[in-house]
């Protein structure tokens, strides 16, 4: 039972980290490029924290949303 609780806590923490990272990416995209298209939003929502970390650097370097090739 303790193992199940620990696993559940770990999964919850991981989900929270992923969701927080997604929100950061979406805020950065909206701040830099304006309204985020639905296809881009969907792509971000399917991503994990590691992808989001890589994307934050790419967003800082991109001049256009199309350069990011997200949809």
Protein backbone atom coordinates (compact mmCIF):
# COMPACT_ATOMS: atom_id res chain seq x y z
CA UNK A 1 0.00 0.00 0.00
CA UNK A 2 2.82 2.42 0.85
CA UNK A 3 4.41 1.72 -2.51
CA UNK A 4 1.15 2.59 -4.26
CA UNK A 5 0.86 5.83 -2.33
CA UNK A 6 4.46 6.74 -3.15
CA UNK A 7 3.90 5.96 -6.81
CA UNK A 8 0.74 8.05 -6.85
CA UNK A 9 2.54 10.98 -5.25
CA UNK A 10 5.39 10.71 -7.76
CA UNK A 11 2.97 10.63 -10.68
CA UNK A 12 1.09 13.63 -9.30
CA UNK A 13 4.30 15.61 -8.90
CA UNK A 14 5.39 14.70 -12.43
CA UNK A 15 2.03 15.78 -13.84
CA UNK A 16 2.28 19.06 -11.95
CA UNK A 17 5.77 19.74 -13.26
CA UNK A 18 4.67 18.99 -16.82
CA UNK A 19 1.60 21.21 -16.53
CA UNK A 20 3.61 24.08 -15.09
CA UNK A 21 6.16 23.81 -17.90
CA UNK A 22 3.39 23.80 -20.50
CA UNK A 23 1.89 26.96 -19.02
CA UNK A 24 5.27 28.71 -19.15
CA UNK A 25 5.69 27.82 -22.83
CA UNK A 26 2.18 28.99 -23.67
CA UNK A 27 2.74 32.29 -21.84
CA UNK A 28 6.05 32.85 -23.62
CA UNK A 29 4.48 32.09 -27.00
CA UNK A 30 1.55 34.43 -26.37
CA UNK A 31 3.81 37.19 -25.08
CA UNK A 32 6.18 37.01 -28.04
CA UNK A 33 3.84 36.12 -30.92
CA UNK A 34 0.32 37.01 -29.79
CA UNK A 35 -2.60 34.61 -29.75
CA UNK A 36 -1.48 30.98 -29.82
CA UNK A 37 -3.15 29.00 -32.63
CA UNK A 38 -5.16 25.95 -31.53
CA UNK A 39 -2.78 23.51 -33.26
CA UNK A 40 0.19 24.98 -31.40
CA UNK A 41 -1.72 24.90 -28.10
CA UNK A 42 -2.54 21.25 -28.70
CA UNK A 43 1.11 20.43 -29.44
CA UNK A 44 2.23 22.11 -26.23
CA UNK A 45 -0.47 20.35 -24.19
CA UNK A 46 0.89 16.97 -25.39
CA UNK A 47 4.45 17.77 -24.32
CA UNK A 48 6.48 16.97 -21.23
CA UNK A 49 8.65 19.27 -19.13
CA UNK A 50 11.85 18.32 -20.93
CA UNK A 51 10.40 19.31 -24.33
CA UNK A 52 9.10 22.54 -22.79
CA UNK A 53 12.55 23.40 -21.44
CA UNK A 54 14.06 22.99 -24.88
CA UNK A 55 11.24 25.03 -26.36
CA UNK A 56 11.81 28.00 -24.02
CA UNK A 57 15.27 28.47 -25.50
CA UNK A 58 13.93 28.05 -29.04
CA UNK A 59 11.23 30.65 -28.37
CA UNK A 60 13.81 33.15 -27.18
CA UNK A 61 15.74 32.73 -30.43
CA UNK A 62 12.83 32.56 -32.89
CA UNK A 63 11.74 35.61 -34.83
CA UNK A 64 8.43 34.09 -35.95
CA UNK A 65 6.10 31.39 -34.68
CA UNK A 66 6.60 29.51 -37.94
CA UNK A 67 10.32 29.13 -37.19
CA UNK A 68 9.43 26.93 -34.27
CA UNK A 69 7.65 24.40 -36.52
CA UNK A 70 5.13 23.42 -33.84
CA UNK A 71 2.02 22.59 -35.82
